[in-house]
C-alpha cells in the first residue's frame, strides 16, 4: 500500500530530506558489528538516505519501500554515487517474510527503519524479524529530527499555525521523534525478544534557507494534497508571510534518535 509519497513529493524528498550524520552510521556499525560480509535491510528506505551510506560498509543492502517513485530515485542516487551493492524492492512491512527468499541461506545483520515505523504494524513486524538475524544482529529505529512544524522555536510555531490553517487539520503526528514514541518502540522490541535495548540521541545544529524549508514541507505533503506547480509560488508566499518578518534562515537543533535491540 502506497503512502502518497509519489511524483513530485518523491522528488522533493530526494532533494531536500536531510541525510544522516556520520555519527549515526558509526553507531549502527558499532552496535551490530557490521562488516564487509553483512546484509542489511532498510525498510521504508525512501530515496536511500540510510541505505546508501550503509552500503559502503557492508556486502549488500536491500532497500524496501511501497512507493515505486522513491525506489526509482534511490536507484538513480546509487548510480550517481557508484554504489552497486544495493537492491531496491517494492514492498511494505507486511511483505518482509518474502525477504527470506532473497536472502537464501544468509541472515540479516540489521534491519534499519528510518522515519517510517509510524506507518507500520511494529509489534507484528518485530516478531516476524526475530528469526531472520544472525547472532548479534537486530533492529534499529532511527528518527531524523523533529518535523519542521513541531519544533521549539518561534518560526516553527508560526509555520505550524499557517499549515494548519491552510490544510484545515491539526498537525500533531511526531513521526516517531518524541521520547514517548521511542519508549514505546523500545518496549515493543523487548516484548518481541530483542535484548540490550538502548536509545541514543545525536544532536547537531543546522540552518535552513527558505527554499530548503519549503522543500522540506513539500516532501511531507501527500501527493493528493500537494499544491500544483502553478499554485506553489502563491503557497510559498503565503508561508513566507506567516513566518517572522525579515527572517531568511531558520535554525534547528536536530536530534537524531536511534532505538536498537539485538537478537540473542
C-alpha atoms as a PDB file:
ATOM      1  CA  UNK A   1       0.000   0.000   0.000  1.00  0.00           C
ATOM      2  CA  UNK A   2       1.429   3.373  -1.009  1.00  0.00           C
ATOM      3  CA  UNK A   3       1.580   6.341   1.378  1.00  0.00           C
ATOM      4  CA  UNK A   4       1.179   9.173  -1.129  1.00  0.00           C
ATOM      5  CA  UNK A   5       4.909   9.891  -1.398  1.00  0.00           C
ATOM      6  CA  UNK A   6       4.981   9.714  -5.187  1.00  0.00           C
ATOM      7  CA  UNK A   7       5.573  12.003  -8.150  1.00  0.00           C
ATOM      8  CA  UNK A   8       6.830  15.467  -7.194  1.00  0.00           C
ATOM      9  CA  UNK A   9       6.683  14.603  -3.481  1.00  0.00           C
ATOM     10  CA  UNK A  10       9.286  11.879  -4.017  1.00  0.00           C
ATOM     11  CA  UNK A  11      11.425  14.372  -5.933  1.00  0.00           C
ATOM     12  CA  UNK A  12      11.299  16.873  -3.082  1.00  0.00           C
ATOM     13  CA  UNK A  13      12.073  14.037  -0.660  1.00  0.00           C
ATOM     14  CA  UNK A  14      15.205  13.086  -2.608  1.00  0.00           C
ATOM     15  CA  UNK A  15      16.421  16.677  -2.883  1.00  0.00           C
ATOM     16  CA  UNK A  16      15.529  18.179   0.475  1.00  0.00           C
ATOM     17  CA  UNK A  17      15.305  15.460   3.126  1.00  0.00           C
ATOM     18  CA  UNK A  18      18.487  15.675   5.152  1.00  0.00           C
ATOM     19  CA  UNK A  19      20.909  12.795   5.274  1.00  0.00           C
ATOM     20  CA  UNK A  20      22.034  11.143   8.488  1.00  0.00           C
ATOM     21  CA  UNK A  21      25.185  12.337  10.263  1.00  0.00           C
ATOM     22  CA  UNK A  22      28.231  10.035  10.092  1.00  0.00           C
ATOM     23  CA  UNK A  23      27.995   9.589  13.870  1.00  0.00           C
ATOM     24  CA  UNK A  24      24.644   7.816  13.425  1.00  0.00           C
ATOM     25  CA  UNK A  25      26.041   5.456  10.788  1.00  0.00           C
ATOM     26  CA  UNK A  26      29.068   4.792  13.019  1.00  0.00           C
ATOM     27  CA  UNK A  27      26.763   3.996  15.943  1.00  0.00           C
ATOM     28  CA  UNK A  28      24.833   1.463  13.855  1.00  0.00           C
ATOM     29  CA  UNK A  29      28.020  -0.195  12.652  1.00  0.00           C
ATOM     30  CA  UNK A  30      29.393  -0.460  16.181  1.00  0.00           C
ATOM     31  CA  UNK A  31      26.178  -1.677  17.799  1.00  0.00           C
ATOM     32  CA  UNK A  32      25.650  -4.534  15.357  1.00  0.00           C
ATOM     33  CA  UNK A  33      29.264  -5.236  14.477  1.00  0.00           C
ATOM     34  CA  UNK A  34      28.607  -4.587  10.799  1.00  0.00           C
ATOM     35  CA  UNK A  35      31.317  -5.891   8.488  1.00  0.00           C
ATOM     36  CA  UNK A  36      32.041  -6.349   4.792  1.00  0.00           C
ATOM     37  CA  UNK A  37      30.173  -9.668   4.504  1.00  0.00           C
ATOM     38  CA  UNK A  38      26.894  -8.483   6.062  1.00  0.00           C
ATOM     39  CA  UNK A  39      23.466  -7.899   4.516  1.00  0.00           C
ATOM     40  CA  UNK A  40      21.254  -5.080   5.801  1.00  0.00           C
ATOM     41  CA  UNK A  41      17.545  -4.461   5.193  1.00  0.00           C
ATOM     42  CA  UNK A  42      16.443  -0.809   5.047  1.00  0.00           C
ATOM     43  CA  UNK A  43      12.673  -0.973   5.476  1.00  0.00           C
ATOM     44  CA  UNK A  44      10.811   2.111   4.275  1.00  0.00           C
ATOM     45  CA  UNK A  45      14.028   3.169   2.586  1.00  0.00           C
ATOM     46  CA  UNK A  46      12.632   6.220   0.805  1.00  0.00           C
ATOM     47  CA  UNK A  47      15.204   7.627  -1.592  1.00  0.00           C
ATOM     48  CA  UNK A  48      18.143   5.961   0.140  1.00  0.00           C
ATOM     49  CA  UNK A  49      19.271   8.397   2.839  1.00  0.00           C
ATOM     50  CA  UNK A  50      20.233   5.485   5.113  1.00  0.00           C
ATOM     51  CA  UNK A  51      20.680   2.676   2.602  1.00  0.00           C
ATOM     52  CA  UNK A  52      23.393   4.382   0.562  1.00  0.00           C
ATOM     53  CA  UNK A  53      25.871   5.243   3.335  1.00  0.00           C
ATOM     54  CA  UNK A  54      25.302   1.800   4.874  1.00  0.00           C
ATOM     55  CA  UNK A  55      26.002   0.115   1.530  1.00  0.00           C
ATOM     56  CA  UNK A  56      29.568   1.411   1.674  1.00  0.00           C
ATOM     57  CA  UNK A  57      30.152  -0.593   4.869  1.00  0.00           C
ATOM     58  CA  UNK A  58      28.523  -3.971   4.151  1.00  0.00           C
ATOM     59  CA  UNK A  59      28.229  -6.631   1.456  1.00  0.00           C
ATOM     60  CA  UNK A  60      24.721  -5.631   0.357  1.00  0.00           C
ATOM     61  CA  UNK A  61      21.715  -3.516   1.308  1.00  0.00           C
ATOM     62  CA  UNK A  62      18.130  -4.381   0.454  1.00  0.00           C
ATOM     63  CA  UNK A  63      16.113  -1.166   0.241  1.00  0.00           C
ATOM     64  CA  UNK A  64      12.366  -1.838   0.539  1.00  0.00           C
ATOM     65  CA  UNK A  65       9.613   0.736   0.103  1.00  0.00           C
ATOM     66  CA  UNK A  66       5.956   0.736  -1.045  1.00  0.00           C
ATOM     67  CA  UNK A  67       6.477   3.746  -3.349  1.00  0.00           C
ATOM     68  CA  UNK A  68       7.888   2.991  -6.836  1.00  0.00           C
ATOM     69  CA  UNK A  69       8.992   6.609  -7.329  1.00  0.00           C
ATOM     70  CA  UNK A  70      11.017   6.503  -4.123  1.00  0.00           C
ATOM     71  CA  UNK A  71      12.793   3.352  -5.277  1.00  0.00           C
ATOM     72  CA  UNK A  72      13.469   4.816  -8.715  1.00  0.00           C
ATOM     73  CA  UNK A  73      15.107   7.887  -7.207  1.00  0.00           C
ATOM     74  CA  UNK A  74      17.070   5.755  -4.734  1.00  0.00           C
ATOM     75  CA  UNK A  75      18.403   3.712  -7.646  1.00  0.00           C
ATOM     76  CA  UNK A  76      19.376   6.856  -9.527  1.00  0.00           C
ATOM     77  CA  UNK A  77      21.211   8.205  -6.469  1.00  0.00           C
ATOM     78  CA  UNK A  78      23.056   4.884  -6.076  1.00  0.00           C
ATOM     79  CA  UNK A  79      24.157   5.033  -9.725  1.00  0.00           C
ATOM     80  CA  UNK A  80      25.409   8.613  -9.351  1.00  0.00           C
ATOM     81  CA  UNK A  81      27.431   7.599  -6.289  1.00  0.00           C
ATOM     82  CA  UNK A  82      28.819   4.465  -7.907  1.00  0.00           C
ATOM     83  CA  UNK A  83      27.101   2.164  -5.428  1.00  0.00           C
ATOM     84  CA  UNK A  84      26.348  -1.215  -6.991  1.00  0.00           C
ATOM     85  CA  UNK A  85      25.544  -3.369  -3.969  1.00  0.00           C
ATOM     86  CA  UNK A  86      22.060  -2.008  -3.214  1.00  0.00           C
ATOM     87  CA  UNK A  87      18.914  -3.870  -4.300  1.00  0.00           C
ATOM     88  CA  UNK A  88      15.624  -1.958  -4.465  1.00  0.00           C
ATOM     89  CA  UNK A  89      12.470  -3.960  -3.682  1.00  0.00           C
ATOM     90  CA  UNK A  90       8.847  -2.821  -3.843  1.00  0.00           C
ATOM     91  CA  UNK A  91       7.088  -3.756  -0.614  1.00  0.00           C
ATOM     92  CA  UNK A  92       5.799  -2.761   2.809  1.00  0.00           C
ATOM     93  CA  UNK A  93       6.300  -4.173   6.299  1.00  0.00           C
ATOM     94  CA  UNK A  94       3.724  -6.869   5.557  1.00  0.00           C
ATOM     95  CA  UNK A  95       5.994  -8.136   2.770  1.00  0.00           C
ATOM     96  CA  UNK A  96       9.050  -8.693   4.983  1.00  0.00           C
ATOM     97  CA  UNK A  97       8.586 -12.510   5.123  1.00  0.00           C
ATOM     98  CA  UNK A  98       9.326 -12.569   1.369  1.00  0.00           C
ATOM     99  CA  UNK A  99      12.791 -11.142   2.083  1.00  0.00           C
ATOM    100  CA  UNK A 100      13.775 -14.614   3.286  1.00  0.00           C
ATOM    101  CA  UNK A 101      13.661 -15.797  -0.333  1.00  0.00           C
ATOM    102  CA  UNK A 102      16.089 -13.040  -1.343  1.00  0.00           C
ATOM    103  CA  UNK A 103      18.472 -13.943   1.454  1.00  0.00           C
ATOM    104  CA  UNK A 104      18.686 -17.650   0.651  1.00  0.00           C
ATOM    105  CA  UNK A 105      20.939 -19.198   3.294  1.00  0.00           C
ATOM    106  CA  UNK A 106      22.078 -15.822   4.609  1.00  0.00           C
ATOM    107  CA  UNK A 107      20.808 -13.978   7.674  1.00  0.00           C
ATOM    108  CA  UNK A 108      20.360 -10.258   8.142  1.00  0.00           C
ATOM    109  CA  UNK A 109      22.870  -8.304  10.185  1.00  0.00           C
ATOM    110  CA  UNK A 110      20.436  -5.455  10.756  1.00  0.00           C
ATOM    111  CA  UNK A 111      17.075  -4.061   9.771  1.00  0.00           C
ATOM    112  CA  UNK A 112      17.062  -0.282   9.905  1.00  0.00           C
ATOM    113  CA  UNK A 113      13.856   1.753   9.786  1.00  0.00           C
ATOM    114  CA  UNK A 114      14.340   5.480   9.328  1.00  0.00           C
ATOM    115  CA  UNK A 115      11.416   7.890   9.865  1.00  0.00           C
ATOM    116  CA  UNK A 116       8.967   5.210   8.728  1.00  0.00           C
ATOM    117  CA  UNK A 117       7.957   2.981  11.641  1.00  0.00           C
ATOM    118  CA  UNK A 118       4.877   5.093  12.381  1.00  0.00           C
ATOM    119  CA  UNK A 119       3.420   3.756   9.101  1.00  0.00           C
ATOM    120  CA  UNK A 120       3.939   0.121  10.154  1.00  0.00           C
ATOM    121  CA  UNK A 121       2.432  -2.515  12.439  1.00  0.00           C
ATOM    122  CA  UNK A 122       5.586  -2.571  14.526  1.00  0.00           C
ATOM    123  CA  UNK A 123       4.624  -5.217  17.098  1.00  0.00           C
ATOM    124  CA  UNK A 124       3.987  -7.821  14.397  1.00  0.00           C
ATOM    125  CA  UNK A 125       6.954  -6.655  12.330  1.00  0.00           C
ATOM    126  CA  UNK A 126       9.382  -7.103  15.217  1.00  0.00           C
ATOM    127  CA  UNK A 127       8.153 -10.655  15.851  1.00  0.00           C
ATOM    128  CA  UNK A 128       8.488 -11.581  12.168  1.00  0.00           C
ATOM    129  CA  UNK A 129      12.037 -10.254  12.013  1.00  0.00           C
ATOM    130  CA  UNK A 130      13.389 -12.061  15.095  1.00  0.00           C
ATOM    131  CA  UNK A 131      14.437 -15.303  13.339  1.00  0.00           C
ATOM    132  CA  UNK A 132      15.935 -13.502  10.330  1.00  0.00           C
ATOM    133  CA  UNK A 133      19.037 -12.136  12.102  1.00  0.00           C
ATOM    134  CA  UNK A 134      22.489 -13.517  12.591  1.00  0.00           C
ATOM    135  CA  UNK A 135      23.833 -13.620  16.139  1.00  0.00           C
ATOM    136  CA  UNK A 136      24.337 -10.076  17.378  1.00  0.00           C
ATOM    137  CA  UNK A 137      22.159  -8.606  14.653  1.00  0.00           C
ATOM    138  CA  UNK A 138      18.953  -6.737  15.252  1.00  0.00           C
ATOM    139  CA  UNK A 139      16.721  -3.753  14.616  1.00  0.00           C
ATOM    140  CA  UNK A 140      17.476  -0.035  14.658  1.00  0.00           C
ATOM    141  CA  UNK A 141      14.639   2.506  14.572  1.00  0.00           C
ATOM    142  CA  UNK A 142      16.045   5.880  13.541  1.00  0.00           C
ATOM    143  CA  UNK A 143      14.236   9.238  13.726  1.00  0.00           C
ATOM    144  CA  UNK A 144      15.981  12.023  11.864  1.00  0.00           C
ATOM    145  CA  UNK A 145      14.838  15.073  13.791  1.00  0.00           C
ATOM    146  CA  UNK A 146      11.534  16.632  14.806  1.00  0.00           C
ATOM    147  CA  UNK A 147       9.211  17.696  11.960  1.00  0.00           C
ATOM    148  CA  UNK A 148       9.795  21.292  10.877  1.00  0.00           C
ATOM    149  CA  UNK A 149       6.417  22.433  12.258  1.00  0.00           C
ATOM    150  CA  UNK A 150       6.751  20.817  15.711  1.00  0.00           C
ATOM    151  CA  UNK A 151       9.995  22.358  16.917  1.00  0.00           C
ATOM    152  CA  UNK A 152      10.515  24.641  19.883  1.00  0.00           C
ATOM    153  CA  UNK A 153      11.137  27.891  18.042  1.00  0.00           C
ATOM    154  CA  UNK A 154       9.170  30.953  17.035  1.00  0.00           C
ATOM    155  CA  UNK A 155       9.415  30.235  13.320  1.00  0.00           C
ATOM    156  CA  UNK A 156       8.329  26.596  13.782  1.00  0.00           C
ATOM    157  CA  UNK A 157       5.250  27.567  15.772  1.00  0.00           C
ATOM    158  CA  UNK A 158       4.332  30.128  13.101  1.00  0.00           C
ATOM    159  CA  UNK A 159       4.841  27.507  10.392  1.00  0.00           C
ATOM    160  CA  UNK A 160       2.582  25.046  12.171  1.00  0.00           C
ATOM    161  CA  UNK A 161      -0.170  27.633  12.527  1.00  0.00           C
ATOM    162  CA  UNK A 162      -0.116  28.579   8.854  1.00  0.00           C
ATOM    163  CA  UNK A 163      -0.077  24.949   7.660  1.00  0.00           C
ATOM    164  CA  UNK A 164      -2.946  24.048   9.957  1.00  0.00           C
ATOM    165  CA  UNK A 165      -4.958  26.989   8.610  1.00  0.00           C
ATOM    166  CA  UNK A 166      -4.220  26.073   5.013  1.00  0.00           C
ATOM    167  CA  UNK A 167      -4.954  22.355   5.263  1.00  0.00           C
ATOM    168  CA  UNK A 168      -7.687  22.600   7.898  1.00  0.00           C
ATOM    169  CA  UNK A 169      -6.177  19.998  10.189  1.00  0.00           C
ATOM    170  CA  UNK A 170      -4.181  19.691  13.402  1.00  0.00           C
ATOM    171  CA  UNK A 171      -0.545  18.741  12.832  1.00  0.00           C
ATOM    172  CA  UNK A 172       0.305  16.623  15.841  1.00  0.00           C
ATOM    173  CA  UNK A 173       1.956  13.487  14.439  1.00  0.00           C
ATOM    174  CA  UNK A 174       5.553  13.375  15.633  1.00  0.00           C
ATOM    175  CA  UNK A 175       6.706  10.682  13.149  1.00  0.00           C
ATOM    176  CA  UNK A 176       8.269   8.726  15.995  1.00  0.00           C
ATOM    177  CA  UNK A 177      10.507  11.535  17.249  1.00  0.00           C
ATOM    178  CA  UNK A 178       9.079  12.135  20.729  1.00  0.00           C
ATOM    179  CA  UNK A 179      10.593  10.442  23.808  1.00  0.00           C
ATOM    180  CA  UNK A 180       7.337   8.595  24.441  1.00  0.00           C
ATOM    181  CA  UNK A 181       7.466   7.192  20.884  1.00  0.00           C
ATOM    182  CA  UNK A 182      10.988   5.913  21.448  1.00  0.00           C
ATOM    183  CA  UNK A 183       9.972   4.398  24.791  1.00  0.00           C
ATOM    184  CA  UNK A 184       7.087   2.589  23.109  1.00  0.00           C
ATOM    185  CA  UNK A 185       9.331   1.192  20.370  1.00  0.00           C
ATOM    186  CA  UNK A 186      11.933   0.095  22.922  1.00  0.00           C
ATOM    187  CA  UNK A 187       9.302  -1.733  24.973  1.00  0.00           C
ATOM    188  CA  UNK A 188       7.982  -3.415  21.822  1.00  0.00           C
ATOM    189  CA  UNK A 189      11.488  -4.594  20.911  1.00  0.00           C
ATOM    190  CA  UNK A 190      11.899  -6.110  24.361  1.00  0.00           C
ATOM    191  CA  UNK A 191       8.487  -7.787  24.185  1.00  0.00           C
ATOM    192  CA  UNK A 192       9.429  -9.345  20.828  1.00  0.00           C
ATOM    193  CA  UNK A 193      12.516 -10.926  22.373  1.00  0.00           C
ATOM    194  CA  UNK A 194      15.260  -8.468  21.488  1.00  0.00           C
ATOM    195  CA  UNK A 195      17.962  -7.879  24.077  1.00  0.00           C
ATOM    196  CA  UNK A 196      20.185  -4.992  25.177  1.00  0.00           C
ATOM    197  CA  UNK A 197      17.612  -2.447  24.036  1.00  0.00           C
ATOM    198  CA  UNK A 198      19.036   1.062  24.101  1.00  0.00           C
ATOM    199  CA  UNK A 199      18.181   4.554  22.921  1.00  0.00           C
ATOM    200  CA  UNK A 200      20.850   7.015  21.871  1.00  0.00           C
ATOM    201  CA  UNK A 201      20.448  10.603  20.668  1.00  0.00           C
ATOM    202  CA  UNK A 202      22.874  12.510  18.451  1.00  0.00           C
ATOM    203  CA  UNK A 203      22.409  16.299  18.351  1.00  0.00           C
ATOM    204  CA  UNK A 204      23.737  18.917  15.979  1.00  0.00           C
ATOM    205  CA  UNK A 205      22.773  22.367  14.752  1.00  0.00           C
ATOM    206  CA  UNK A 206      21.584  23.162  11.240  1.00  0.00           C
ATOM    207  CA  UNK A 207      20.296  26.204   9.414  1.00  0.00           C
ATOM    208  CA  UNK A 208      17.801  26.127   6.558  1.00  0.00           C
ATOM    209  CA  UNK A 209      17.219  28.627   3.790  1.00  0.00           C
ATOM    210  CA  UNK A 210      13.630  29.451   2.877  1.00  0.00           C
ATOM    211  CA  UNK A 211      13.906  27.237  -0.239  1.00  0.00           C
ATOM    212  CA  UNK A 212      15.102  24.345   1.924  1.00  0.00           C
ATOM    213  CA  UNK A 213      12.254  24.953   4.353  1.00  0.00           C
ATOM    214  CA  UNK A 214       9.707  24.828   1.531  1.00  0.00           C
ATOM    215  CA  UNK A 215      11.344  21.742   0.043  1.00  0.00           C
ATOM    216  CA  UNK A 216      11.065  20.003   3.398  1.00  0.00           C
ATOM    217  CA  UNK A 217       7.389  20.943   3.624  1.00  0.00           C
ATOM    218  CA  UNK A 218       6.648  19.690   0.107  1.00  0.00           C
ATOM    219  CA  UNK A 219       8.446  16.407   0.853  1.00  0.00           C
ATOM    220  CA  UNK A 220       5.957  15.686   3.650  1.00  0.00           C
ATOM    221  CA  UNK A 221       2.670  16.561   1.917  1.00  0.00           C
ATOM    222  CA  UNK A 222       0.859  13.546   0.401  1.00  0.00           C
ATOM    223  CA  UNK A 223       0.766  13.772  -3.383  1.00  0.00           C
ATOM    224  CA  UNK A 224      -3.000  14.258  -3.425  1.00  0.00           C
ATOM    225  CA  UNK A 225      -2.711  17.396  -1.277  1.00  0.00           C
ATOM    226  CA  UNK A 226       0.469  18.890  -2.726  1.00  0.00           C
ATOM    227  CA  UNK A 227      -0.224  22.263  -4.372  1.00  0.00           C
ATOM    228  CA  UNK A 228       0.074  22.031  -8.141  1.00  0.00           C
ATOM    229  CA  UNK A 229       3.131  23.532  -9.869  1.00  0.00           C
ATOM    230  CA  UNK A 230       1.238  26.719 -10.786  1.00  0.00           C
ATOM    231  CA  UNK A 231      -0.030  27.152  -7.228  1.00  0.00           C
ATOM    232  CA  UNK A 232       3.288  26.627  -5.459  1.00  0.00           C
ATOM    233  CA  UNK A 233       4.629  30.188  -5.800  1.00  0.00           C
ATOM    234  CA  UNK A 234       1.470  31.563  -4.149  1.00  0.00           C
ATOM    235  CA  UNK A 235       1.607  28.876  -1.443  1.00  0.00           C
ATOM    236  CA  UNK A 236       5.271  29.658  -0.749  1.00  0.00           C
ATOM    237  CA  UNK A 237       4.444  33.353  -0.461  1.00  0.00           C
ATOM    238  CA  UNK A 238       1.628  32.509   1.967  1.00  0.00           C
ATOM    239  CA  UNK A 239       4.101  30.576   4.111  1.00  0.00           C
ATOM    240  CA  UNK A 240       6.697  33.366   3.899  1.00  0.00           C
ATOM    241  CA  UNK A 241       4.184  35.971   5.076  1.00  0.00           C
ATOM    242  CA  UNK A 242       3.240  33.755   8.008  1.00  0.00           C
ATOM    243  CA  UNK A 243       6.805  33.489   9.308  1.00  0.00           C
ATOM    244  CA  UNK A 244       8.557  36.108  11.452  1.00  0.00           C
ATOM    245  CA  UNK A 245       9.128  39.298   9.456  1.00  0.00           C
ATOM    246  CA  UNK A 246      12.544  39.554   7.855  1.00  0.00           C
ATOM    247  CA  UNK A 247      13.682  36.053   8.767  1.00  0.00           C
ATOM    248  CA  UNK A 248      15.510  34.407   5.853  1.00  0.00           C
ATOM    249  CA  UNK A 249      17.211  31.485   7.601  1.00  0.00           C
ATOM    250  CA  UNK A 250      15.804  29.028  10.088  1.00  0.00           C
ATOM    251  CA  UNK A 251      17.967  27.491  12.805  1.00  0.00           C
ATOM    252  CA  UNK A 252      17.291  23.956  14.038  1.00  0.00           C
ATOM    253  CA  UNK A 253      18.605  21.737  16.781  1.00  0.00           C
ATOM    254  CA  UNK A 254      18.429  18.358  15.057  1.00  0.00           C
ATOM    255  CA  UNK A 255      18.045  15.364  17.365  1.00  0.00           C
ATOM    256  CA  UNK A 256      18.703  12.049  15.646  1.00  0.00           C
ATOM    257  CA  UNK A 257      17.442   9.226  17.859  1.00  0.00           C
ATOM    258  CA  UNK A 258      18.359   5.558  17.431  1.00  0.00           C
ATOM    259  CA  UNK A 259      16.408   2.854  19.296  1.00  0.00           C
ATOM    260  CA  UNK A 260      18.171  -0.509  18.987  1.00  0.00           C
ATOM    261  CA  UNK A 261      17.542  -4.076  20.040  1.00  0.00           C
ATOM    262  CA  UNK A 262      19.788  -7.073  19.384  1.00  0.00           C
ATOM    263  CA  UNK A 263      18.954 -10.676  18.641  1.00  0.00           C
ATOM    264  CA  UNK A 264      20.255 -13.260  21.074  1.00  0.00           C
END
